[in-house]
């Protein structure tokens, strides 16, 4: 079961990074139809992928704000 969980994490990360479904399938050693089914609207990984995207966007926004805050120090 642990290998499956790791595959799911990898699939989600690869999709976020812009890999195409055939590339994900080849890298993970599963069929293209399997990968497609994971990410369809009612698929096994769809909600997890949406959560991952949300978290990534929040993280990037936080990093951007931290960088911007360093460029413009507050004056007393």
PDB file of N, CA and C in Angstrom:
ATOM      1  N   UNK A   1       0.820  -1.196   0.000  1.00  0.00           N
ATOM      2  CA  UNK A   1       0.000   0.000   0.000  1.00  0.00           C
ATOM      3  C   UNK A   1       0.864   1.260   0.000  1.00  0.00           C
ATOM      4  N   UNK A   2       1.997   1.226   0.678  1.00  0.00           N
ATOM      5  CA  UNK A   2       2.870   2.399   0.747  1.00  0.00           C
ATOM      6  C   UNK A   2       3.344   2.830  -0.646  1.00  0.00           C
ATOM      7  N   UNK A   3       3.656   1.860  -1.518  1.00  0.00           N
ATOM      8  CA  UNK A   3       4.088   2.209  -2.873  1.00  0.00           C
ATOM      9  C   UNK A   3       2.988   2.953  -3.614  1.00  0.00           C
ATOM     10  N   UNK A   4       1.753   2.550  -3.410  1.00  0.00           N
ATOM     11  CA  UNK A   4       0.656   3.243  -4.063  1.00  0.00           C
ATOM     12  C   UNK A   4       0.561   4.674  -3.577  1.00  0.00           C
ATOM     13  N   UNK A   5       0.700   4.864  -2.287  1.00  0.00           N
ATOM     14  CA  UNK A   5       0.640   6.217  -1.755  1.00  0.00           C
ATOM     15  C   UNK A   5       1.752   7.082  -2.335  1.00  0.00           C
ATOM     16  N   UNK A   6       2.932   6.524  -2.451  1.00  0.00           N
ATOM     17  CA  UNK A   6       4.058   7.263  -3.020  1.00  0.00           C
ATOM     18  C   UNK A   6       3.799   7.589  -4.488  1.00  0.00           C
ATOM     19  N   UNK A   7       3.209   6.648  -5.214  1.00  0.00           N
ATOM     20  CA  UNK A   7       2.863   6.899  -6.616  1.00  0.00           C
ATOM     21  C   UNK A   7       1.864   8.048  -6.721  1.00  0.00           C
ATOM     22  N   UNK A   8       0.901   8.069  -5.826  1.00  0.00           N
ATOM     23  CA  UNK A   8      -0.090   9.136  -5.864  1.00  0.00           C
ATOM     24  C   UNK A   8       0.566  10.490  -5.629  1.00  0.00           C
ATOM     25  N   UNK A   9       1.444  10.553  -4.644  1.00  0.00           N
ATOM     26  CA  UNK A   9       2.153  11.806  -4.364  1.00  0.00           C
ATOM     27  C   UNK A   9       2.970  12.250  -5.571  1.00  0.00           C
ATOM     28  N   UNK A  10       3.650  11.304  -6.176  1.00  0.00           N
ATOM     29  CA  UNK A  10       4.464  11.627  -7.353  1.00  0.00           C
ATOM     30  C   UNK A  10       3.584  12.103  -8.505  1.00  0.00           C
ATOM     31  N   UNK A  11       2.455  11.445  -8.704  1.00  0.00           N
ATOM     32  CA  UNK A  11       1.553  11.828  -9.787  1.00  0.00           C
ATOM     33  C   UNK A  11       1.044  13.251  -9.588  1.00  0.00           C
ATOM     34  N   UNK A  12       0.660  13.574  -8.375  1.00  0.00           N
ATOM     35  CA  UNK A  12       0.156  14.912  -8.075  1.00  0.00           C
ATOM     36  C   UNK A  12       1.249  15.953  -8.301  1.00  0.00           C
ATOM     37  N   UNK A  13       2.442  15.688  -7.822  1.00  0.00           N
ATOM     38  CA  UNK A  13       3.554  16.622  -7.989  1.00  0.00           C
ATOM     39  C   UNK A  13       3.925  16.785  -9.466  1.00  0.00           C
ATOM     40  N   UNK A  14       3.945  15.693 -10.193  1.00  0.00           N
ATOM     41  CA  UNK A  14       4.287  15.765 -11.621  1.00  0.00           C
ATOM     42  C   UNK A  14       3.245  16.568 -12.393  1.00  0.00           C
ATOM     43  N   UNK A  15       1.972  16.354 -12.071  1.00  0.00           N
ATOM     44  CA  UNK A  15       0.918  17.118 -12.748  1.00  0.00           C
ATOM     45  C   UNK A  15       1.084  18.605 -12.450  1.00  0.00           C
ATOM     46  N   UNK A  16       1.359  18.956 -11.213  1.00  0.00           N
ATOM     47  CA  UNK A  16       1.578  20.356 -10.833  1.00  0.00           C
ATOM     48  C   UNK A  16       2.749  20.956 -11.625  1.00  0.00           C
ATOM     49  N   UNK A  17       3.782  20.170 -11.850  1.00  0.00           N
ATOM     50  CA  UNK A  17       4.971  20.654 -12.550  1.00  0.00           C
ATOM     51  C   UNK A  17       4.798  20.682 -14.058  1.00  0.00           C
ATOM     52  N   UNK A  18       3.631  20.257 -14.542  1.00  0.00           N
ATOM     53  CA  UNK A  18       3.340  20.380 -15.969  1.00  0.00           C
ATOM     54  C   UNK A  18       3.568  19.132 -16.805  1.00  0.00           C
ATOM     55  N   UNK A  19       3.861  18.018 -16.159  1.00  0.00           N
ATOM     56  CA  UNK A  19       4.017  16.783 -16.916  1.00  0.00           C
ATOM     57  C   UNK A  19       2.677  16.380 -17.520  1.00  0.00           C
ATOM     58  N   UNK A  20       2.719  15.817 -18.701  1.00  0.00           N
ATOM     59  CA  UNK A  20       1.523  15.317 -19.380  1.00  0.00           C
ATOM     60  C   UNK A  20       1.191  13.927 -18.854  1.00  0.00           C
ATOM     61  N   UNK A  21      -0.065  13.546 -19.007  1.00  0.00           N
ATOM     62  CA  UNK A  21      -0.503  12.238 -18.514  1.00  0.00           C
ATOM     63  C   UNK A  21       0.350  11.078 -19.036  1.00  0.00           C
ATOM     64  N   UNK A  22       0.703  11.044 -20.325  1.00  0.00           N
ATOM     65  CA  UNK A  22       1.552   9.935 -20.789  1.00  0.00           C
ATOM     66  C   UNK A  22       2.908   9.885 -20.079  1.00  0.00           C
ATOM     67  N   UNK A  23       3.468  11.041 -19.768  1.00  0.00           N
ATOM     68  CA  UNK A  23       4.744  11.088 -19.057  1.00  0.00           C
ATOM     69  C   UNK A  23       4.591  10.567 -17.625  1.00  0.00           C
ATOM     70  N   UNK A  24       3.505  10.954 -16.985  1.00  0.00           N
ATOM     71  CA  UNK A  24       3.249  10.486 -15.620  1.00  0.00           C
ATOM     72  C   UNK A  24       3.072   8.969 -15.621  1.00  0.00           C
ATOM     73  N   UNK A  25       2.288   8.477 -16.568  1.00  0.00           N
ATOM     74  CA  UNK A  25       2.036   7.034 -16.665  1.00  0.00           C
ATOM     75  C   UNK A  25       3.336   6.264 -16.861  1.00  0.00           C
ATOM     76  N   UNK A  26       4.176   6.739 -17.762  1.00  0.00           N
ATOM     77  CA  UNK A  26       5.440   6.048 -18.032  1.00  0.00           C
ATOM     78  C   UNK A  26       6.346   6.060 -16.809  1.00  0.00           C
ATOM     79  N   UNK A  27       6.482   7.207 -16.184  1.00  0.00           N
ATOM     80  CA  UNK A  27       7.360   7.334 -15.017  1.00  0.00           C
ATOM     81  C   UNK A  27       6.896   6.442 -13.861  1.00  0.00           C
ATOM     82  N   UNK A  28       5.580   6.334 -13.665  1.00  0.00           N
ATOM     83  CA  UNK A  28       5.049   5.578 -12.539  1.00  0.00           C
ATOM     84  C   UNK A  28       4.762   4.120 -12.872  1.00  0.00           C
ATOM     85  N   UNK A  29       4.880   3.764 -14.138  1.00  0.00           N
ATOM     86  CA  UNK A  29       4.664   2.372 -14.526  1.00  0.00           C
ATOM     87  C   UNK A  29       3.213   1.935 -14.457  1.00  0.00           C
ATOM     88  N   UNK A  30       2.314   2.874 -14.784  1.00  0.00           N
ATOM     89  CA  UNK A  30       0.891   2.552 -14.834  1.00  0.00           C
ATOM     90  C   UNK A  30       0.362   2.938 -16.213  1.00  0.00           C
ATOM     91  N   UNK A  31      -0.842   2.503 -16.509  1.00  0.00           N
ATOM     92  CA  UNK A  31      -1.403   2.802 -17.823  1.00  0.00           C
ATOM     93  C   UNK A  31      -1.851   4.267 -17.907  1.00  0.00           C
ATOM     94  N   UNK A  32      -1.912   4.752 -19.120  1.00  0.00           N
ATOM     95  CA  UNK A  32      -2.395   6.110 -19.364  1.00  0.00           C
ATOM     96  C   UNK A  32      -3.831   6.254 -18.864  1.00  0.00           C
ATOM     97  N   UNK A  33      -4.661   5.244 -19.102  1.00  0.00           N
ATOM     98  CA  UNK A  33      -6.050   5.298 -18.628  1.00  0.00           C
ATOM     99  C   UNK A  33      -6.129   5.400 -17.105  1.00  0.00           C
ATOM    100  N   UNK A  34      -5.209   4.758 -16.418  1.00  0.00           N
ATOM    101  CA  UNK A  34      -5.178   4.835 -14.953  1.00  0.00           C
ATOM    102  C   UNK A  34      -4.908   6.262 -14.499  1.00  0.00           C
ATOM    103  N   UNK A  35      -3.913   6.886 -15.093  1.00  0.00           N
ATOM    104  CA  UNK A  35      -3.573   8.265 -14.723  1.00  0.00           C
ATOM    105  C   UNK A  35      -4.750   9.190 -15.032  1.00  0.00           C
ATOM    106  N   UNK A  36      -5.341   9.033 -16.191  1.00  0.00           N
ATOM    107  CA  UNK A  36      -6.494   9.869 -16.537  1.00  0.00           C
ATOM    108  C   UNK A  36      -7.614   9.694 -15.526  1.00  0.00           C
ATOM    109  N   UNK A  37      -7.843   8.454 -15.124  1.00  0.00           N
ATOM    110  CA  UNK A  37      -8.931   8.193 -14.171  1.00  0.00           C
ATOM    111  C   UNK A  37      -8.642   8.827 -12.815  1.00  0.00           C
ATOM    112  N   UNK A  38      -7.387   8.886 -12.416  1.00  0.00           N
ATOM    113  CA  UNK A  38      -7.024   9.498 -11.142  1.00  0.00           C
ATOM    114  C   UNK A  38      -7.433  10.956 -11.065  1.00  0.00           C
ATOM    115  N   UNK A  39      -7.325  11.666 -12.197  1.00  0.00           N
ATOM    116  CA  UNK A  39      -7.509  13.117 -12.188  1.00  0.00           C
ATOM    117  C   UNK A  39      -8.835  13.591 -12.763  1.00  0.00           C
ATOM    118  N   UNK A  40      -9.685  12.688 -13.224  1.00  0.00           N
ATOM    119  CA  UNK A  40     -10.982  13.147 -13.733  1.00  0.00           C
ATOM    120  C   UNK A  40     -11.794  13.730 -12.576  1.00  0.00           C
ATOM    121  N   UNK A  41     -12.916  14.366 -12.898  1.00  0.00           N
ATOM    122  CA  UNK A  41     -13.661  15.121 -11.881  1.00  0.00           C
ATOM    123  C   UNK A  41     -14.071  14.288 -10.672  1.00  0.00           C
ATOM    124  N   UNK A  42     -14.323  13.010 -10.848  1.00  0.00           N
ATOM    125  CA  UNK A  42     -14.663  12.158  -9.704  1.00  0.00           C
ATOM    126  C   UNK A  42     -13.558  11.148  -9.415  1.00  0.00           C
ATOM    127  N   UNK A  43     -12.350  11.456  -9.871  1.00  0.00           N
ATOM    128  CA  UNK A  43     -11.228  10.529  -9.741  1.00  0.00           C
ATOM    129  C   UNK A  43     -10.624  10.498  -8.346  1.00  0.00           C
ATOM    130  N   UNK A  44      -9.864   9.456  -8.129  1.00  0.00           N
ATOM    131  CA  UNK A  44      -9.237   9.179  -6.837  1.00  0.00           C
ATOM    132  C   UNK A  44      -8.367  10.332  -6.323  1.00  0.00           C
ATOM    133  N   UNK A  45      -7.663  11.011  -7.214  1.00  0.00           N
ATOM    134  CA  UNK A  45      -6.712  12.041  -6.783  1.00  0.00           C
ATOM    135  C   UNK A  45      -7.182  13.464  -7.040  1.00  0.00           C
ATOM    136  N   UNK A  46      -8.347  13.638  -7.618  1.00  0.00           N
ATOM    137  CA  UNK A  46      -8.785  14.974  -8.020  1.00  0.00           C
ATOM    138  C   UNK A  46      -8.819  15.962  -6.850  1.00  0.00           C
ATOM    139  N   UNK A  47      -9.490  15.609  -5.784  1.00  0.00           N
ATOM    140  CA  UNK A  47      -9.603  16.525  -4.646  1.00  0.00           C
ATOM    141  C   UNK A  47      -8.244  16.747  -3.985  1.00  0.00           C
ATOM    142  N   UNK A  48      -7.416  15.712  -3.965  1.00  0.00           N
ATOM    143  CA  UNK A  48      -6.072  15.851  -3.389  1.00  0.00           C
ATOM    144  C   UNK A  48      -5.225  16.791  -4.249  1.00  0.00           C
ATOM    145  N   UNK A  49      -5.383  16.689  -5.569  1.00  0.00           N
ATOM    146  CA  UNK A  49      -4.648  17.580  -6.467  1.00  0.00           C
ATOM    147  C   UNK A  49      -5.108  19.025  -6.260  1.00  0.00           C
ATOM    148  N   UNK A  50      -6.401  19.235  -6.151  1.00  0.00           N
ATOM    149  CA  UNK A  50      -6.909  20.592  -5.941  1.00  0.00           C
ATOM    150  C   UNK A  50      -6.388  21.176  -4.630  1.00  0.00           C
ATOM    151  N   UNK A  51      -6.340  20.360  -3.585  1.00  0.00           N
ATOM    152  CA  UNK A  51      -5.776  20.810  -2.306  1.00  0.00           C
ATOM    153  C   UNK A  51      -4.299  21.149  -2.447  1.00  0.00           C
ATOM    154  N   UNK A  52      -3.575  20.320  -3.192  1.00  0.00           N
ATOM    155  CA  UNK A  52      -2.141  20.528  -3.406  1.00  0.00           C
ATOM    156  C   UNK A  52      -1.918  21.856  -4.139  1.00  0.00           C
ATOM    157  N   UNK A  53      -2.695  22.099  -5.185  1.00  0.00           N
ATOM    158  CA  UNK A  53      -2.575  23.344  -5.939  1.00  0.00           C
ATOM    159  C   UNK A  53      -2.840  24.534  -5.018  1.00  0.00           C
ATOM    160  N   UNK A  54      -3.881  24.451  -4.234  1.00  0.00           N
ATOM    161  CA  UNK A  54      -4.207  25.530  -3.300  1.00  0.00           C
ATOM    162  C   UNK A  54      -3.043  25.793  -2.352  1.00  0.00           C
ATOM    163  N   UNK A  55      -2.495  24.724  -1.784  1.00  0.00           N
ATOM    164  CA  UNK A  55      -1.371  24.869  -0.855  1.00  0.00           C
ATOM    165  C   UNK A  55      -0.146  25.471  -1.539  1.00  0.00           C
ATOM    166  N   UNK A  56       0.130  25.041  -2.767  1.00  0.00           N
ATOM    167  CA  UNK A  56       1.278  25.571  -3.503  1.00  0.00           C
ATOM    168  C   UNK A  56       1.104  27.058  -3.787  1.00  0.00           C
ATOM    169  N   UNK A  57      -0.089  27.454  -4.176  1.00  0.00           N
ATOM    170  CA  UNK A  57      -0.339  28.863  -4.461  1.00  0.00           C
ATOM    171  C   UNK A  57      -0.196  29.719  -3.204  1.00  0.00           C
ATOM    172  N   UNK A  58      -0.698  29.217  -2.090  1.00  0.00           N
ATOM    173  CA  UNK A  58      -0.541  29.943  -0.828  1.00  0.00           C
ATOM    174  C   UNK A  58       0.931  30.069  -0.443  1.00  0.00           C
ATOM    175  N   UNK A  59       1.665  28.998  -0.623  1.00  0.00           N
ATOM    176  CA  UNK A  59       3.087  29.007  -0.282  1.00  0.00           C
ATOM    177  C   UNK A  59       3.847  30.012  -1.151  1.00  0.00           C
ATOM    178  N   UNK A  60       3.560  30.017  -2.443  1.00  0.00           N
ATOM    179  CA  UNK A  60       4.241  30.954  -3.339  1.00  0.00           C
ATOM    180  C   UNK A  60       3.879  32.399  -3.005  1.00  0.00           C
ATOM    181  N   UNK A  61       2.626  32.638  -2.659  1.00  0.00           N
ATOM    182  CA  UNK A  61       2.195  33.981  -2.293  1.00  0.00           C
ATOM    183  C   UNK A  61       2.889  34.433  -1.013  1.00  0.00           C
ATOM    184  N   UNK A  62       2.995  33.546  -0.050  1.00  0.00           N
ATOM    185  CA  UNK A  62       3.666  33.867   1.206  1.00  0.00           C
ATOM    186  C   UNK A  62       5.141  34.185   0.958  1.00  0.00           C
ATOM    187  N   UNK A  63       5.794  33.395   0.116  1.00  0.00           N
ATOM    188  CA  UNK A  63       7.197  33.654  -0.209  1.00  0.00           C
ATOM    189  C   UNK A  63       7.357  34.995  -0.900  1.00  0.00           C
ATOM    190  N   UNK A  64       6.433  35.317  -1.811  1.00  0.00           N
ATOM    191  CA  UNK A  64       6.497  36.589  -2.521  1.00  0.00           C
ATOM    192  C   UNK A  64       6.329  37.751  -1.543  1.00  0.00           C
ATOM    193  N   UNK A  65       5.381  37.624  -0.626  1.00  0.00           N
ATOM    194  CA  UNK A  65       5.165  38.683   0.357  1.00  0.00           C
ATOM    195  C   UNK A  65       6.383  38.862   1.257  1.00  0.00           C
ATOM    196  N   UNK A  66       7.019  37.772   1.638  1.00  0.00           N
ATOM    197  CA  UNK A  66       8.222  37.857   2.467  1.00  0.00           C
ATOM    198  C   UNK A  66       9.355  38.553   1.716  1.00  0.00           C
ATOM    199  N   UNK A  67       9.499  38.233   0.431  1.00  0.00           N
ATOM    200  CA  UNK A  67      10.534  38.890  -0.379  1.00  0.00           C
ATOM    201  C   UNK A  67      10.236  40.384  -0.502  1.00  0.00           C
ATOM    202  N   UNK A  68       8.968  40.705  -0.778  1.00  0.00           N
ATOM    203  CA  UNK A  68       8.584  42.104  -0.921  1.00  0.00           C
ATOM    204  C   UNK A  68       8.755  42.883   0.370  1.00  0.00           C
ATOM    205  N   UNK A  69       8.461  42.253   1.491  1.00  0.00           N
ATOM    206  CA  UNK A  69       8.608  42.933   2.788  1.00  0.00           C
ATOM    207  C   UNK A  69      10.076  43.265   3.045  1.00  0.00           C
ATOM    208  N   UNK A  70      10.985  42.451   2.591  1.00  0.00           N
ATOM    209  CA  UNK A  70      12.401  42.703   2.766  1.00  0.00           C
ATOM    210  C   UNK A  70      12.895  43.850   1.895  1.00  0.00           C
ATOM    211  N   UNK A  71      12.227  44.100   0.791  1.00  0.00           N
ATOM    212  CA  UNK A  71      12.625  45.185  -0.108  1.00  0.00           C
ATOM    213  C   UNK A  71      12.164  46.554   0.389  1.00  0.00           C
ATOM    214  N   UNK A  72      11.098  46.543   1.165  1.00  0.00           N
ATOM    215  CA  UNK A  72      10.515  47.798   1.635  1.00  0.00           C
ATOM    216  C   UNK A  72      10.420  47.785   3.164  1.00  0.00           C
ATOM    217  N   UNK A  73      11.539  48.034   3.823  1.00  0.00           N
ATOM    218  CA  UNK A  73      11.488  48.011   5.291  1.00  0.00           C
ATOM    219  C   UNK A  73      10.527  49.103   5.814  1.00  0.00           C
ATOM    220  N   UNK A  74       9.836  48.769   6.864  1.00  0.00           N
ATOM    221  CA  UNK A  74       8.915  49.727   7.459  1.00  0.00           C
ATOM    222  C   UNK A  74       9.712  50.799   8.193  1.00  0.00           C
ATOM    223  N   UNK A  75       9.225  52.010   8.078  1.00  0.00           N
ATOM    224  CA  UNK A  75       9.876  53.109   8.776  1.00  0.00           C
ATOM    225  C   UNK A  75       9.066  53.438  10.027  1.00  0.00           C
ATOM    226  N   UNK A  76       9.747  53.742  11.113  1.00  0.00           N
ATOM    227  CA  UNK A  76       9.030  54.040  12.356  1.00  0.00           C
ATOM    228  C   UNK A  76       8.312  55.366  12.314  1.00  0.00           C
TER     229      UNK A  76
END
